[in-house]
Amino acid sequence: MRTVSIRELHTRTGHYVRAATRQPIAVTERGTTIARLVPATESPPPPRFKDRALRPAFRRLLGRPHLGTDSGQLISEDRDR
């Protein structure tokens, strides 16, 4: 893996971004790796929450209709104050 300082990356960003399409590049600050530039994947990662089940308590909240004062009426009353 190629290593580049953050200062050099700032100076030649375009060059290193293009180079990262071929191989990963480690970005360092004062000798410590702080980031990596890696080639983008062709396909996006699968959605993390698509198949996740809802917690039972949240599912119960979704099923309950909220009955009460009409929000339009509350806004009208607030404007009349």
PDB file of N, CA and C in Angstrom:
ATOM      1  N   MET A   1       0.856  -1.166   0.000  1.00  0.00           N
ATOM      2  CA  MET A   1       0.000   0.000   0.000  1.00  0.00           C
ATOM      3  C   MET A   1       0.905   1.233   0.000  1.00  0.00           C
ATOM      4  N   ARG A   2       0.587   2.157  -0.861  1.00  0.00           N
ATOM      5  CA  ARG A   2       1.342   3.400  -0.952  1.00  0.00           C
ATOM      6  C   ARG A   2       0.958   4.317   0.208  1.00  0.00           C
ATOM      7  N   THR A   3       1.910   5.110   0.690  1.00  0.00           N
ATOM      8  CA  THR A   3       1.672   6.031   1.794  1.00  0.00           C
ATOM      9  C   THR A   3       1.936   7.451   1.330  1.00  0.00           C
ATOM     10  N   VAL A   4       1.073   8.376   1.754  1.00  0.00           N
ATOM     11  CA  VAL A   4       1.222   9.780   1.387  1.00  0.00           C
ATOM     12  C   VAL A   4       0.853  10.634   2.602  1.00  0.00           C
ATOM     13  N   SER A   5       1.568  11.739   2.781  1.00  0.00           N
ATOM     14  CA  SER A   5       1.251  12.625   3.906  1.00  0.00           C
ATOM     15  C   SER A   5       0.004  13.438   3.579  1.00  0.00           C
ATOM     16  N   ILE A   6      -0.643  13.919   4.604  1.00  0.00           N
ATOM     17  CA  ILE A   6      -1.856  14.702   4.394  1.00  0.00           C
ATOM     18  C   ILE A   6      -1.534  15.994   3.640  1.00  0.00           C
ATOM     19  N   ARG A   7      -0.359  16.548   3.868  1.00  0.00           N
ATOM     20  CA  ARG A   7       0.054  17.763   3.161  1.00  0.00           C
ATOM     21  C   ARG A   7       0.204  17.485   1.662  1.00  0.00           C
ATOM     22  N   GLU A   8       0.855  16.370   1.328  1.00  0.00           N
ATOM     23  CA  GLU A   8       1.025  15.994  -0.078  1.00  0.00           C
ATOM     24  C   GLU A   8      -0.326  15.691  -0.720  1.00  0.00           C
ATOM     25  N   LEU A   9      -1.219  15.035   0.017  1.00  0.00           N
ATOM     26  CA  LEU A   9      -2.559  14.758  -0.498  1.00  0.00           C
ATOM     27  C   LEU A   9      -3.290  16.058  -0.796  1.00  0.00           C
ATOM     28  N   HIS A  10      -3.167  17.028   0.091  1.00  0.00           N
ATOM     29  CA  HIS A  10      -3.813  18.326  -0.118  1.00  0.00           C
ATOM     30  C   HIS A  10      -3.271  19.001  -1.381  1.00  0.00           C
ATOM     31  N   THR A  11      -1.974  18.899  -1.588  1.00  0.00           N
ATOM     32  CA  THR A  11      -1.342  19.534  -2.745  1.00  0.00           C
ATOM     33  C   THR A  11      -1.716  18.848  -4.054  1.00  0.00           C
ATOM     34  N   ARG A  12      -1.791  17.522  -4.056  1.00  0.00           N
ATOM     35  CA  ARG A  12      -2.012  16.773  -5.299  1.00  0.00           C
ATOM     36  C   ARG A  12      -3.206  15.826  -5.176  1.00  0.00           C
ATOM     37  N   THR A  13      -4.324  16.345  -4.718  1.00  0.00           N
ATOM     38  CA  THR A  13      -5.511  15.523  -4.465  1.00  0.00           C
ATOM     39  C   THR A  13      -5.936  14.715  -5.687  1.00  0.00           C
ATOM     40  N   GLY A  14      -6.072  15.377  -6.822  1.00  0.00           N
ATOM     41  CA  GLY A  14      -6.527  14.695  -8.038  1.00  0.00           C
ATOM     42  C   GLY A  14      -5.641  13.523  -8.412  1.00  0.00           C
ATOM     43  N   HIS A  15      -4.340  13.723  -8.321  1.00  0.00           N
ATOM     44  CA  HIS A  15      -3.387  12.668  -8.658  1.00  0.00           C
ATOM     45  C   HIS A  15      -3.602  11.438  -7.770  1.00  0.00           C
ATOM     46  N   TYR A  16      -3.718  11.672  -6.464  1.00  0.00           N
ATOM     47  CA  TYR A  16      -3.849  10.543  -5.541  1.00  0.00           C
ATOM     48  C   TYR A  16      -5.221   9.885  -5.605  1.00  0.00           C
ATOM     49  N   VAL A  17      -6.245  10.637  -5.896  1.00  0.00           N
ATOM     50  CA  VAL A  17      -7.572  10.030  -6.055  1.00  0.00           C
ATOM     51  C   VAL A  17      -7.570   9.109  -7.272  1.00  0.00           C
ATOM     52  N   ARG A  18      -6.974   9.560  -8.362  1.00  0.00           N
ATOM     53  CA  ARG A  18      -6.877   8.691  -9.549  1.00  0.00           C
ATOM     54  C   ARG A  18      -6.011   7.465  -9.252  1.00  0.00           C
ATOM     55  N   ALA A  19      -4.918   7.659  -8.512  1.00  0.00           N
ATOM     56  CA  ALA A  19      -4.038   6.538  -8.173  1.00  0.00           C
ATOM     57  C   ALA A  19      -4.754   5.528  -7.270  1.00  0.00           C
ATOM     58  N   ALA A  20      -5.673   6.006  -6.453  1.00  0.00           N
ATOM     59  CA  ALA A  20      -6.400   5.115  -5.541  1.00  0.00           C
ATOM     60  C   ALA A  20      -7.340   4.178  -6.281  1.00  0.00           C
ATOM     61  N   THR A  21      -7.645   4.465  -7.547  1.00  0.00           N
ATOM     62  CA  THR A  21      -8.469   3.532  -8.322  1.00  0.00           C
ATOM     63  C   THR A  21      -7.690   2.262  -8.646  1.00  0.00           C
ATOM     64  N   ARG A  22      -6.361   2.346  -8.585  1.00  0.00           N
ATOM     65  CA  ARG A  22      -5.518   1.195  -8.895  1.00  0.00           C
ATOM     66  C   ARG A  22      -5.039   0.452  -7.648  1.00  0.00           C
ATOM     67  N   GLN A  23      -4.779   1.186  -6.570  1.00  0.00           N
ATOM     68  CA  GLN A  23      -4.286   0.566  -5.337  1.00  0.00           C
ATOM     69  C   GLN A  23      -4.649   1.432  -4.139  1.00  0.00           C
ATOM     70  N   PRO A  24      -4.828   0.836  -2.975  1.00  0.00           N
ATOM     71  CA  PRO A  24      -5.135   1.633  -1.781  1.00  0.00           C
ATOM     72  C   PRO A  24      -3.974   2.555  -1.418  1.00  0.00           C
ATOM     73  N   ILE A  25      -4.304   3.699  -0.848  1.00  0.00           N
ATOM     74  CA  ILE A  25      -3.300   4.673  -0.419  1.00  0.00           C
ATOM     75  C   ILE A  25      -3.578   5.019   1.037  1.00  0.00           C
ATOM     76  N   ALA A  26      -2.541   4.922   1.872  1.00  0.00           N
ATOM     77  CA  ALA A  26      -2.663   5.299   3.278  1.00  0.00           C
ATOM     78  C   ALA A  26      -2.297   6.771   3.410  1.00  0.00           C
ATOM     79  N   VAL A  27      -3.134   7.533   4.101  1.00  0.00           N
ATOM     80  CA  VAL A  27      -2.882   8.955   4.342  1.00  0.00           C
ATOM     81  C   VAL A  27      -2.365   9.081   5.767  1.00  0.00           C
ATOM     82  N   THR A  28      -1.212   9.752   5.916  1.00  0.00           N
ATOM     83  CA  THR A  28      -0.606   9.873   7.236  1.00  0.00           C
ATOM     84  C   THR A  28      -0.512  11.324   7.671  1.00  0.00           C
ATOM     85  N   GLU A  29      -0.527  11.501   8.986  1.00  0.00           N
ATOM     86  CA  GLU A  29      -0.285  12.809   9.586  1.00  0.00           C
ATOM     87  C   GLU A  29       0.732  12.586  10.697  1.00  0.00           C
ATOM     88  N   ARG A  30       1.894  13.187  10.530  1.00  0.00           N
ATOM     89  CA  ARG A  30       2.998  13.026  11.488  1.00  0.00           C
ATOM     90  C   ARG A  30       3.351  11.553  11.704  1.00  0.00           C
ATOM     91  N   GLY A  31       3.332  10.801  10.616  1.00  0.00           N
ATOM     92  CA  GLY A  31       3.736   9.406  10.669  1.00  0.00           C
ATOM     93  C   GLY A  31       2.663   8.416  11.093  1.00  0.00           C
ATOM     94  N   THR A  32       1.483   8.901  11.472  1.00  0.00           N
ATOM     95  CA  THR A  32       0.391   8.028  11.893  1.00  0.00           C
ATOM     96  C   THR A  32      -0.664   7.961  10.793  1.00  0.00           C
ATOM     97  N   THR A  33      -1.067   6.757  10.425  1.00  0.00           N
ATOM     98  CA  THR A  33      -2.106   6.596   9.410  1.00  0.00           C
ATOM     99  C   THR A  33      -3.432   7.088   9.967  1.00  0.00           C
ATOM    100  N   ILE A  34      -4.063   8.026   9.233  1.00  0.00           N
ATOM    101  CA  ILE A  34      -5.338   8.591   9.687  1.00  0.00           C
ATOM    102  C   ILE A  34      -6.488   8.265   8.742  1.00  0.00           C
ATOM    103  N   ALA A  35      -6.167   7.831   7.519  1.00  0.00           N
ATOM    104  CA  ALA A  35      -7.227   7.515   6.556  1.00  0.00           C
ATOM    105  C   ALA A  35      -6.656   6.610   5.476  1.00  0.00           C
ATOM    106  N   ARG A  36      -7.567   5.991   4.721  1.00  0.00           N
ATOM    107  CA  ARG A  36      -7.169   5.196   3.568  1.00  0.00           C
ATOM    108  C   ARG A  36      -8.031   5.580   2.386  1.00  0.00           C
ATOM    109  N   LEU A  37      -7.407   5.740   1.243  1.00  0.00           N
ATOM    110  CA  LEU A  37      -8.132   5.920  -0.015  1.00  0.00           C
ATOM    111  C   LEU A  37      -8.146   4.558  -0.686  1.00  0.00           C
ATOM    112  N   VAL A  38      -9.334   4.049  -0.955  1.00  0.00           N
ATOM    113  CA  VAL A  38      -9.462   2.733  -1.577  1.00  0.00           C
ATOM    114  C   VAL A  38     -10.368   2.846  -2.795  1.00  0.00           C
ATOM    115  N   PRO A  39     -10.206   1.957  -3.768  1.00  0.00           N
ATOM    116  CA  PRO A  39     -11.085   1.992  -4.932  1.00  0.00           C
ATOM    117  C   PRO A  39     -12.540   1.780  -4.525  1.00  0.00           C
ATOM    118  N   ALA A  40     -13.424   2.497  -5.176  1.00  0.00           N
ATOM    119  CA  ALA A  40     -14.858   2.332  -4.919  1.00  0.00           C
ATOM    120  C   ALA A  40     -15.308   0.996  -5.482  1.00  0.00           C
ATOM    121  N   THR A  41     -16.272   0.373  -4.826  1.00  0.00           N
ATOM    122  CA  THR A  41     -16.801  -0.890  -5.324  1.00  0.00           C
ATOM    123  C   THR A  41     -17.798  -0.597  -6.439  1.00  0.00           C
ATOM    124  N   GLU A  42     -17.956  -1.550  -7.322  1.00  0.00           N
ATOM    125  CA  GLU A  42     -18.875  -1.380  -8.440  1.00  0.00           C
ATOM    126  C   GLU A  42     -20.328  -1.350  -7.986  1.00  0.00           C
ATOM    127  N   SER A  43     -20.680  -2.220  -7.056  1.00  0.00           N
ATOM    128  CA  SER A  43     -22.063  -2.256  -6.593  1.00  0.00           C
ATOM    129  C   SER A  43     -22.128  -1.695  -5.173  1.00  0.00           C
ATOM    130  N   PRO A  44     -23.177  -0.947  -4.881  1.00  0.00           N
ATOM    131  CA  PRO A  44     -23.290  -0.394  -3.532  1.00  0.00           C
ATOM    132  C   PRO A  44     -23.536  -1.501  -2.512  1.00  0.00           C
ATOM    133  N   PRO A  45     -23.136  -1.282  -1.275  1.00  0.00           N
ATOM    134  CA  PRO A  45     -23.379  -2.309  -0.263  1.00  0.00           C
ATOM    135  C   PRO A  45     -24.873  -2.503  -0.036  1.00  0.00           C
ATOM    136  N   PRO A  46     -25.281  -3.684   0.387  1.00  0.00           N
ATOM    137  CA  PRO A  46     -26.715  -3.929   0.605  1.00  0.00           C
ATOM    138  C   PRO A  46     -27.242  -3.044   1.735  1.00  0.00           C
ATOM    139  N   PRO A  47     -28.511  -2.651   1.653  1.00  0.00           N
ATOM    140  CA  PRO A  47     -29.083  -1.825   2.718  1.00  0.00           C
ATOM    141  C   PRO A  47     -29.056  -2.567   4.054  1.00  0.00           C
ATOM    142  N   ARG A  48     -28.597  -1.875   5.087  1.00  0.00           N
ATOM    143  CA  ARG A  48     -28.420  -2.518   6.388  1.00  0.00           C
ATOM    144  C   ARG A  48     -29.733  -2.746   7.116  1.00  0.00           C
ATOM    145  N   PHE A  49     -30.731  -1.915   6.879  1.00  0.00           N
ATOM    146  CA  PHE A  49     -31.943  -1.991   7.675  1.00  0.00           C
ATOM    147  C   PHE A  49     -33.143  -2.536   6.903  1.00  0.00           C
ATOM    148  N   LYS A  50     -32.950  -2.946   5.662  1.00  0.00           N
ATOM    149  CA  LYS A  50     -34.063  -3.388   4.836  1.00  0.00           C
ATOM    150  C   LYS A  50     -34.780  -4.595   5.438  1.00  0.00           C
ATOM    151  N   ASP A  51     -34.033  -5.587   5.852  1.00  0.00           N
ATOM    152  CA  ASP A  51     -34.631  -6.829   6.344  1.00  0.00           C
ATOM    153  C   ASP A  51     -34.657  -6.914   7.866  1.00  0.00           C
ATOM    154  N   ARG A  52     -34.346  -5.840   8.519  1.00  0.00           N
ATOM    155  CA  ARG A  52     -34.292  -5.850   9.977  1.00  0.00           C
ATOM    156  C   ARG A  52     -35.709  -5.826  10.558  1.00  0.00           C
ATOM    157  N   ALA A  53     -35.951  -6.657  11.522  1.00  0.00           N
ATOM    158  CA  ALA A  53     -37.277  -6.736  12.146  1.00  0.00           C
ATOM    159  C   ALA A  53     -37.455  -5.595  13.146  1.00  0.00           C
ATOM    160  N   LEU A  54     -38.684  -5.095  13.225  1.00  0.00           N
ATOM    161  CA  LEU A  54     -38.983  -4.045  14.193  1.00  0.00           C
ATOM    162  C   LEU A  54     -39.106  -4.650  15.585  1.00  0.00           C
ATOM    163  N   ARG A  55     -38.710  -3.883  16.559  1.00  0.00           N
ATOM    164  CA  ARG A  55     -38.882  -4.340  17.936  1.00  0.00           C
ATOM    165  C   ARG A  55     -40.371  -4.391  18.246  1.00  0.00           C
ATOM    166  N   PRO A  56     -40.802  -5.350  19.058  1.00  0.00           N
ATOM    167  CA  PRO A  56     -42.238  -5.501  19.345  1.00  0.00           C
ATOM    168  C   PRO A  56     -42.882  -4.230  19.900  1.00  0.00           C
ATOM    169  N   ALA A  57     -42.199  -3.505  20.782  1.00  0.00           N
ATOM    170  CA  ALA A  57     -42.792  -2.291  21.357  1.00  0.00           C
ATOM    171  C   ALA A  57     -43.013  -1.236  20.277  1.00  0.00           C
ATOM    172  N   PHE A  58     -42.069  -1.100  19.354  1.00  0.00           N
ATOM    173  CA  PHE A  58     -42.214  -0.126  18.275  1.00  0.00           C
ATOM    174  C   PHE A  58     -43.335  -0.544  17.330  1.00  0.00           C
ATOM    175  N   ARG A  59     -43.444  -1.838  17.081  1.00  0.00           N
ATOM    176  CA  ARG A  59     -44.506  -2.340  16.210  1.00  0.00           C
ATOM    177  C   ARG A  59     -45.878  -2.025  16.813  1.00  0.00           C
ATOM    178  N   ARG A  60     -46.006  -2.151  18.142  1.00  0.00           N
ATOM    179  CA  ARG A  60     -47.271  -1.826  18.804  1.00  0.00           C
ATOM    180  C   ARG A  60     -47.590  -0.341  18.656  1.00  0.00           C
ATOM    181  N   LEU A  61     -46.589   0.516  18.758  1.00  0.00           N
ATOM    182  CA  LEU A  61     -46.817   1.956  18.597  1.00  0.00           C
ATOM    183  C   LEU A  61     -47.299   2.287  17.191  1.00  0.00           C
ATOM    184  N   LEU A  62     -46.739   1.622  16.203  1.00  0.00           N
ATOM    185  CA  LEU A  62     -47.147   1.879  14.823  1.00  0.00           C
ATOM    186  C   LEU A  62     -48.588   1.467  14.582  1.00  0.00           C
ATOM    187  N   GLY A  63     -49.046   0.435  15.268  1.00  0.00           N
ATOM    188  CA  GLY A  63     -50.386  -0.074  15.056  1.00  0.00           C
ATOM    189  C   GLY A  63     -51.482   0.750  15.714  1.00  0.00           C
ATOM    190  N   ARG A  64     -51.112   1.598  16.666  1.00  0.00           N
ATOM    191  CA  ARG A  64     -52.114   2.380  17.396  1.00  0.00           C
ATOM    192  C   ARG A  64     -52.425   3.689  16.696  1.00  0.00           C
ATOM    193  N   PRO A  65     -53.680   3.928  16.341  1.00  0.00           N
ATOM    194  CA  PRO A  65     -54.014   5.248  15.793  1.00  0.00           C
ATOM    195  C   PRO A  65     -54.069   6.270  16.929  1.00  0.00           C
ATOM    196  N   HIS A  66     -53.579   7.462  16.666  1.00  0.00           N
ATOM    197  CA  HIS A  66     -53.598   8.523  17.669  1.00  0.00           C
ATOM    198  C   HIS A  66     -54.871   9.337  17.478  1.00  0.00           C
ATOM    199  N   LEU A  67     -55.761   9.229  18.431  1.00  0.00           N
ATOM    200  CA  LEU A  67     -57.010   9.966  18.362  1.00  0.00           C
ATOM    201  C   LEU A  67     -56.928  11.134  19.333  1.00  0.00           C
ATOM    202  N   GLY A  68     -57.365  12.273  18.874  1.00  0.00           N
ATOM    203  CA  GLY A  68     -57.314  13.445  19.737  1.00  0.00           C
ATOM    204  C   GLY A  68     -57.777  14.660  18.967  1.00  0.00           C
ATOM    205  N   THR A  69     -57.339  15.812  19.401  1.00  0.00           N
ATOM    206  CA  THR A  69     -57.726  17.064  18.777  1.00  0.00           C
ATOM    207  C   THR A  69     -57.094  17.183  17.399  1.00  0.00           C
ATOM    208  N   ASP A  70     -57.851  17.733  16.482  1.00  0.00           N
ATOM    209  CA  ASP A  70     -57.373  17.964  15.129  1.00  0.00           C
ATOM    210  C   ASP A  70     -56.236  18.986  15.164  1.00  0.00           C
ATOM    211  N   SER A  71     -55.129  18.701  14.489  1.00  0.00           N
ATOM    212  CA  SER A  71     -53.983  19.609  14.510  1.00  0.00           C
ATOM    213  C   SER A  71     -54.317  20.958  13.885  1.00  0.00           C
ATOM    214  N   GLY A  72     -55.163  20.975  12.875  1.00  0.00           N
ATOM    215  CA  GLY A  72     -55.577  22.244  12.266  1.00  0.00           C
ATOM    216  C   GLY A  72     -56.314  23.123  13.263  1.00  0.00           C
ATOM    217  N   GLN A  73     -57.127  22.499  14.085  1.00  0.00           N
ATOM    218  CA  GLN A  73     -57.861  23.239  15.110  1.00  0.00           C
ATOM    219  C   GLN A  73     -56.892  23.817  16.141  1.00  0.00           C
ATOM    220  N   LEU A  74     -55.895  23.047  16.552  1.00  0.00           N
ATOM    221  CA  LEU A  74     -54.906  23.538  17.513  1.00  0.00           C
ATOM    222  C   LEU A  74     -54.135  24.730  16.958  1.00  0.00           C
ATOM    223  N   ILE A  75     -53.767  24.669  15.690  1.00  0.00           N
ATOM    224  CA  ILE A  75     -53.033  25.772  15.068  1.00  0.00           C
ATOM    225  C   ILE A  75     -53.905  27.010  14.989  1.00  0.00           C
ATOM    226  N   SER A  76     -55.157  26.844  14.614  1.00  0.00           N
ATOM    227  CA  SER A  76     -56.078  27.988  14.541  1.00  0.00           C
ATOM    228  C   SER A  76     -56.251  28.636  15.908  1.00  0.00           C
ATOM    229  N   GLU A  77     -56.400  27.830  16.947  1.00  0.00           N
ATOM    230  CA  GLU A  77     -56.543  28.375  18.293  1.00  0.00           C
ATOM    231  C   GLU A  77     -55.284  29.114  18.720  1.00  0.00           C
ATOM    232  N   ASP A  78     -54.134  28.587  18.352  1.00  0.00           N
ATOM    233  CA  ASP A  78     -52.874  29.237  18.714  1.00  0.00           C
ATOM    234  C   ASP A  78     -52.727  30.578  18.002  1.00  0.00           C
ATOM    235  N   ARG A  79     -53.181  30.674  16.774  1.00  0.00           N
ATOM    236  CA  ARG A  79     -53.100  31.934  16.017  1.00  0.00           C
ATOM    237  C   ARG A  79     -54.027  32.991  16.597  1.00  0.00           C
ATOM    238  N   ASP A  80     -55.132  32.555  17.180  1.00  0.00           N
ATOM    239  CA  ASP A  80     -56.111  33.494  17.722  1.00  0.00           C
ATOM    240  C   ASP A  80     -55.645  34.123  19.030  1.00  0.00           C
ATOM    241  N   ARG A  81     -54.627  33.615  19.649  1.00  0.00           N
ATOM    242  CA  ARG A  81     -54.149  34.167  20.928  1.00  0.00           C
ATOM    243  C   ARG A  81     -53.521  35.509  20.754  1.00  0.00           C
TER     244      ARG A  81
END
